[in-house]
Structure formats: C-alpha cells, structure tokens
Amino acid sequence: MASRTPETIVLTGASRGLGLEFARNPQGSAGLQELQAAHGAALRCLACDVGDDAAVAHAAATVGKAGGFDLLLNNAGISRGRRAGVDQVDLEDMRRCFEINALGPLRVARALHATLAKGTRPRLVNMTSLMGSIADNSSGGSYAYRTSKTALNMITRNLAHDLGPGLVVAALHPGWVRTDMGGKSAPLAIDAAVAAMIATIDGLGSAHSGAFLDRDGATLPW
C-alpha cells in the first residue's frame, strides 16, 4: 500500500476484488499466489474464515508473533438475496450476512486490537457500504446486505469509543465498484476506487474516529 512511511497491514478478504487490489499496491487465489511470488517476505497469506472464532484466534496468534502493526482493514464481506422482497427474504441469508459482514469485523477487531495498538499510527478500517445508511435508503430491498452493513456501522462507532483515542476507527464506503459483488455495470474501476481509499486511509486522524466516510474522505449520512 502506498503511504508516507512503510507500514505493516493486516487485510481480510484479500483473495479477490478490492482486497486483492489493496494487496497489490489462500491458496485458492491465483492473484495472491502471483503477489506472493513477486513480493516474497513482504506479503504473508493466512487462511482465515472471519465467521469462525477458532480460525480468527489462530490467525491473530500468528500475527501477534510479529509484533505491532499499523492498519487493520476489515474487507471480507458477502452479499445475499439482493432482489428479494419481504415475502422472499431468506432468514438464513440474513444470518450469514450478519455473521460475515458485521460479526466478522468485530471478531477480528476483538482478536487483534491489542496488537494493532502497538503500531506507530494504528488505524482500524471497516469496509462498509452506503447501502447500510438508513438516511440514504430510498429504494428498500437487499434486506440481508443492508442490515448487516448498518450493524457494521454501529459496531464501528462503538469500537471508536472503546478503543480510542489512540487507535482511530472508521467505516469506509468504496463506492459502486466493478467487482464480483458489484457487477460489470458498476461505474468505478477497482484500481481507481482503491487509490482513493488509500489516500483517505493514509490521512485518517483522531478527528475521523467513529466516522462513516466515502472513499474520498467525505462524511456520509448514517
């Protein structure tokens, strides 16, 4: 990741899409294999299901052996049942979205925040979505995804209170990006979205803790 100074970063959901692009600037990801071959010791890949307590604890123990780090980017996420109306909502889809999109980042933050706090300029960023904004919801639908991201936004604000002031916590919306999740009709290219987010993350300070931000750093409505 481009930054003012070299940083150590822990990134979840790095096997494809936005996460893979962040890893540019497991074994199931050809992209990560290529990066590992190109960057060697600068990149370490760990298999971790953010929906599993034991997997997160194992990854956190491995990360902890390396000492403090500077940025935790909770990027892992899923989308289920986007077109389902109230009569078609699959409650199991909702449970799974909550498990990965809301409880996953909380689980990872809980396991790693003490190690993160040892970093030079510790920041914790949760990848959220404007679809989690109650104020911006003008179309309805996407029950599972919307509500899981709304929950993540509240978790982010709570973490900011619990872990601050020395550790900055923020929720970041990448925009509608051409990924497997965003689809081919999305207006934003992955590299453009990530470049904007890198600049925003690099500029995070105490005034941003607990904020809900667009990729360019603009404050979004809750």
Protein backbone atom coordinates (compact mmCIF):
# COMPACT_ATOMS: atom_id res chain seq x y z
CA MET A 1 0.00 0.00 0.00
CA ALA A 2 1.38 3.41 -0.94
CA SER A 3 1.88 5.60 2.13
CA ARG A 4 4.06 8.32 3.59
CA THR A 5 6.05 5.72 5.51
CA PRO A 6 6.29 1.93 5.22
CA GLU A 7 3.50 0.26 7.19
CA THR A 8 2.52 -3.21 8.27
CA ILE A 9 -1.07 -4.00 7.30
CA VAL A 10 -3.49 -6.80 8.14
CA LEU A 11 -6.13 -7.17 5.44
CA THR A 12 -9.07 -9.58 5.40
CA GLY A 13 -10.83 -10.69 2.24
CA ALA A 14 -7.70 -10.36 0.12
CA SER A 15 -8.30 -13.20 -2.31
CA ARG A 16 -10.25 -11.15 -4.89
CA GLY A 17 -11.84 -7.82 -5.74
CA LEU A 18 -10.99 -4.78 -3.63
CA GLY A 19 -8.94 -6.80 -1.19
CA LEU A 20 -6.70 -8.19 -3.89
CA GLU A 21 -6.15 -4.70 -5.30
CA PHE A 22 -5.22 -3.43 -1.83
CA ALA A 23 -2.73 -6.28 -1.56
CA ARG A 24 -1.14 -5.25 -4.89
CA ASN A 25 -0.09 -1.55 -4.05
CA PRO A 26 -5.05 -18.79 0.32
CA GLN A 27 -4.04 -20.91 -1.90
CA GLY A 28 -7.41 -20.56 -3.65
CA SER A 29 -6.46 -17.15 -5.12
CA ALA A 30 -4.26 -17.14 -8.20
CA GLY A 31 -3.84 -13.39 -7.75
CA LEU A 32 -2.45 -13.80 -4.24
CA GLN A 33 -0.13 -16.56 -5.40
CA GLU A 34 1.28 -14.22 -8.03
CA LEU A 35 1.76 -11.45 -5.48
CA GLN A 36 3.40 -13.82 -3.04
CA ALA A 37 5.84 -14.94 -5.70
CA ALA A 38 6.62 -11.34 -6.66
CA HIS A 39 6.96 -9.84 -3.18
CA GLY A 40 8.17 -12.71 -1.03
CA ALA A 41 8.60 -11.79 2.63
CA ALA A 42 6.74 -8.50 2.19
CA LEU A 43 3.46 -10.42 1.87
CA ARG A 44 2.26 -13.24 4.10
CA CYS A 45 -1.01 -15.03 3.33
CA LEU A 46 -3.04 -16.72 6.07
CA ALA A 47 -6.22 -18.73 5.56
CA CYS A 48 -8.89 -17.33 7.87
CA ASP A 49 -12.68 -17.61 7.92
CA VAL A 50 -13.81 -14.42 9.69
CA GLY A 51 -17.03 -16.23 10.59
CA ASP A 52 -15.16 -18.81 12.70
CA ASP A 53 -13.86 -17.99 16.18
CA ALA A 54 -11.10 -20.58 16.13
CA ALA A 55 -9.82 -19.54 12.70
CA VAL A 56 -9.65 -15.88 13.73
CA ALA A 57 -7.91 -16.76 17.01
CA HIS A 58 -5.31 -18.84 15.13
CA ALA A 59 -4.64 -16.04 12.63
CA ALA A 60 -4.43 -13.47 15.43
CA ALA A 61 -1.87 -15.58 17.29
CA THR A 62 0.25 -15.79 14.14
CA VAL A 63 0.02 -12.05 13.55
CA GLY A 64 0.83 -11.35 17.21
CA LYS A 65 4.17 -13.14 16.93
CA ALA A 66 5.32 -10.45 14.51
CA GLY A 67 4.60 -7.62 16.96
CA GLY A 68 2.53 -4.49 16.42
CA PHE A 69 1.15 -3.35 13.09
CA ASP A 70 -0.30 -0.12 11.70
CA LEU A 71 -3.57 -0.84 9.89
CA LEU A 72 -6.32 -3.41 10.22
CA LEU A 73 -8.55 -3.34 7.14
CA ASN A 74 -11.66 -5.47 7.57
CA ASN A 75 -12.60 -6.02 3.93
CA ALA A 76 -14.09 -9.54 3.93
CA GLY A 77 -17.79 -9.48 3.06
CA ILE A 78 -20.63 -11.23 1.23
CA SER A 79 -23.93 -10.29 -0.37
CA ARG A 80 -27.06 -12.45 -0.35
CA GLY A 81 -30.63 -12.05 -1.64
CA ARG A 82 -30.32 -8.56 -3.09
CA ARG A 83 -33.52 -8.78 -5.15
CA ALA A 84 -35.68 -10.47 -2.51
CA GLY A 85 -38.75 -8.61 -1.32
CA VAL A 86 -40.16 -9.06 2.17
CA ASP A 87 -42.01 -12.25 1.19
CA GLN A 88 -38.87 -13.79 -0.32
CA VAL A 89 -36.36 -12.85 2.38
CA ASP A 90 -34.31 -15.88 3.36
CA LEU A 91 -33.55 -15.56 7.07
CA GLU A 92 -30.59 -17.90 6.71
CA ASP A 93 -29.12 -15.50 4.15
CA MET A 94 -29.58 -12.71 6.70
CA ARG A 95 -27.87 -14.72 9.42
CA ARG A 96 -24.93 -15.50 7.14
CA CYS A 97 -24.56 -11.86 6.09
CA PHE A 98 -24.58 -10.76 9.72
CA GLU A 99 -22.04 -13.43 10.61
CA ILE A 100 -19.56 -12.32 7.93
CA ASN A 101 -20.30 -8.61 7.38
CA ALA A 102 -20.98 -7.49 10.95
CA LEU A 103 -19.74 -10.09 13.43
CA GLY A 104 -16.70 -10.94 11.30
CA PRO A 105 -15.10 -7.48 11.60
CA LEU A 106 -15.99 -7.36 15.30
CA ARG A 107 -14.46 -10.80 15.82
CA VAL A 108 -11.24 -9.76 14.04
CA ALA A 109 -11.08 -6.40 15.85
CA ARG A 110 -11.53 -8.08 19.22
CA ALA A 111 -8.74 -10.54 18.47
CA LEU A 112 -6.25 -8.03 17.08
CA HIS A 113 -6.84 -4.60 18.61
CA ALA A 114 -4.25 -5.02 21.37
CA THR A 115 -1.57 -5.94 18.83
CA LEU A 116 -2.69 -3.16 16.49
CA ALA A 117 -2.41 -0.61 19.32
CA LYS A 118 1.34 -1.28 19.44
CA GLY A 119 1.72 0.16 15.92
CA THR A 120 3.20 3.56 15.14
CA ARG A 121 -0.09 5.07 13.88
CA PRO A 122 -2.79 2.44 14.49
CA ARG A 123 -5.97 2.59 12.42
CA LEU A 124 -8.86 0.14 12.11
CA VAL A 125 -10.98 0.50 8.96
CA ASN A 126 -14.18 -1.45 8.36
CA MET A 127 -15.24 -1.72 4.73
CA THR A 128 -18.92 -0.82 4.77
CA SER A 129 -21.44 0.38 2.17
CA LEU A 130 -23.73 3.33 1.60
CA MET A 131 -26.41 0.65 1.38
CA GLY A 132 -26.10 0.46 5.17
CA SER A 133 -27.18 4.09 5.51
CA ILE A 134 -30.70 4.46 6.91
CA ALA A 135 -30.88 8.09 5.81
CA ASP A 136 -29.87 7.22 2.22
CA ASN A 137 -32.25 4.26 1.77
CA SER A 138 -34.69 5.42 -0.89
CA SER A 139 -35.35 2.08 -2.59
CA GLY A 140 -35.62 -0.66 0.03
CA GLY A 141 -34.70 -4.24 -0.81
CA SER A 142 -31.43 -6.06 -0.10
CA TYR A 143 -32.54 -6.83 3.43
CA ALA A 144 -29.63 -9.06 4.35
CA TYR A 145 -26.85 -6.89 2.95
CA ARG A 146 -28.30 -3.54 4.02
CA THR A 147 -28.98 -4.52 7.61
CA SER A 148 -25.61 -6.24 8.04
CA LYS A 149 -23.82 -3.09 6.92
CA THR A 150 -25.99 -0.90 9.14
CA ALA A 151 -24.96 -3.14 12.04
CA LEU A 152 -21.32 -2.82 10.98
CA ASN A 153 -21.60 0.96 11.05
CA MET A 154 -22.83 0.85 14.66
CA ILE A 155 -20.08 -1.61 15.58
CA THR A 156 -17.56 0.82 14.08
CA ARG A 157 -18.85 3.70 16.22
CA ASN A 158 -18.77 1.51 19.33
CA LEU A 159 -15.21 0.39 18.60
CA ALA A 160 -14.16 4.01 18.23
CA HIS A 161 -15.46 4.70 21.74
CA ASP A 162 -13.95 1.54 23.24
CA LEU A 163 -10.53 1.60 21.56
CA GLY A 164 -9.82 5.32 21.27
CA PRO A 165 -8.38 7.83 21.47
CA GLY A 166 -5.03 6.38 20.45
CA LEU A 167 -6.48 3.96 17.90
CA VAL A 168 -8.51 5.52 15.06
CA VAL A 169 -11.55 3.53 13.90
CA ALA A 170 -13.60 4.39 10.80
CA ALA A 171 -16.14 2.88 8.39
CA LEU A 172 -15.29 3.35 4.70
CA HIS A 173 -17.60 3.09 1.67
CA PRO A 174 -15.69 2.21 -1.54
CA GLY A 175 -18.43 3.26 -3.96
CA TRP A 176 -20.09 1.02 -6.55
CA VAL A 177 -17.10 -0.88 -7.90
CA ARG A 178 -16.74 -3.39 -10.73
CA THR A 179 -16.05 -6.48 -8.63
CA ASP A 180 -17.73 -9.88 -8.47
CA MET A 181 -20.07 -8.37 -5.89
CA GLY A 182 -20.59 -5.00 -7.59
CA GLY A 183 -21.12 -6.42 -11.06
CA LYS A 184 -19.97 -5.40 -14.54
CA SER A 185 -22.27 -2.37 -14.75
CA ALA A 186 -20.69 -0.62 -11.76
CA PRO A 187 -19.17 2.74 -12.73
CA LEU A 188 -15.93 2.51 -10.73
CA ALA A 189 -12.83 0.54 -11.67
CA ILE A 190 -11.18 -1.35 -8.83
CA ASP A 191 -7.85 0.44 -9.11
CA ALA A 192 -9.47 3.90 -9.04
CA ALA A 193 -11.59 3.08 -6.01
CA VAL A 194 -8.65 1.62 -4.11
CA ALA A 195 -6.35 4.54 -4.97
CA ALA A 196 -8.91 6.94 -3.49
CA MET A 197 -9.33 4.81 -0.37
CA ILE A 198 -5.58 4.53 0.15
CA ALA A 199 -5.32 8.32 0.21
CA THR A 200 -8.23 8.57 2.65
CA ILE A 201 -6.89 5.85 4.96
CA ASP A 202 -3.46 7.44 4.93
CA GLY A 203 -4.99 10.73 6.07
CA LEU A 204 -7.08 9.34 8.92
CA GLY A 205 -6.58 11.04 12.28
CA SER A 206 -8.31 11.29 15.62
CA ALA A 207 -10.98 13.64 14.21
CA HIS A 208 -12.17 10.85 11.91
CA SER A 209 -12.59 8.18 14.60
CA GLY A 210 -16.12 6.78 14.57
CA ALA A 211 -16.89 8.35 11.19
CA PHE A 212 -18.72 6.90 8.17
CA LEU A 213 -16.74 8.04 5.13
CA ASP A 214 -16.86 7.83 1.35
CA ARG A 215 -13.76 6.64 -0.48
CA ASP A 216 -12.63 10.25 -0.96
CA GLY A 217 -13.00 11.07 2.74
CA ALA A 218 -16.38 12.84 2.58
CA THR A 219 -18.69 12.20 5.53
CA LEU A 220 -21.74 10.05 4.69
CA PRO A 221 -25.19 10.11 6.33
CA TRP A 222 -25.94 7.44 8.89
